[in-house]
Amino acid sequence: MARWVSYTSTSSQHPGRFHSGYNDEKIAGLTREALAAGFNHFKMKVGAGCADDLRRGRLIRSIIDDPKYLPPSVEPRNPNSESLKGKNAGPTGSVLMIDANQVWDVPEAIDYVTSLKEIGHSASCIDGQGGCCCSLK
């Protein structure tokens, strides 16, 4: 499974990550590049603000869910397949995951993640202050 994350890391081992402070044009360009390179799991940093997270999530979803951005040799994956069950995969089989990086306690994580439901993320495990703290399907 190919994964790509949409935020910055100081690690040189993860060059595909970019900062959530990038403008929408940069986010869209990097998302298209990653999709064209064969990535099908995308992780988005969240927690700075719900409105910004929703806007970025919608933007990423609009790209990863559109078959025209898939490489010519790649067929969309079945979002209802056993391997994607419970991951909220979009119509191309791409998965959008979210990462709060220990921003919230358990009740805050549940409230915030619920408010982001519209972007169809896979929030089976949110990295909160207590570690992996909730499971929302």
Foldseek 3Di string as FASTA:
>chain_A
DAEAEADDDPDPVHPLYHHLPDDLVVLLVSLLVSQQVPHQEYEYEDDPDLVSVLVSLQSSLVQSQDPVSHHPVDAQDPCVDPVNPQQQAHNSRGAYAYEHQAPDDQVVVVVSVVSNCVSRHRPQFYQHVVGGHHGDD
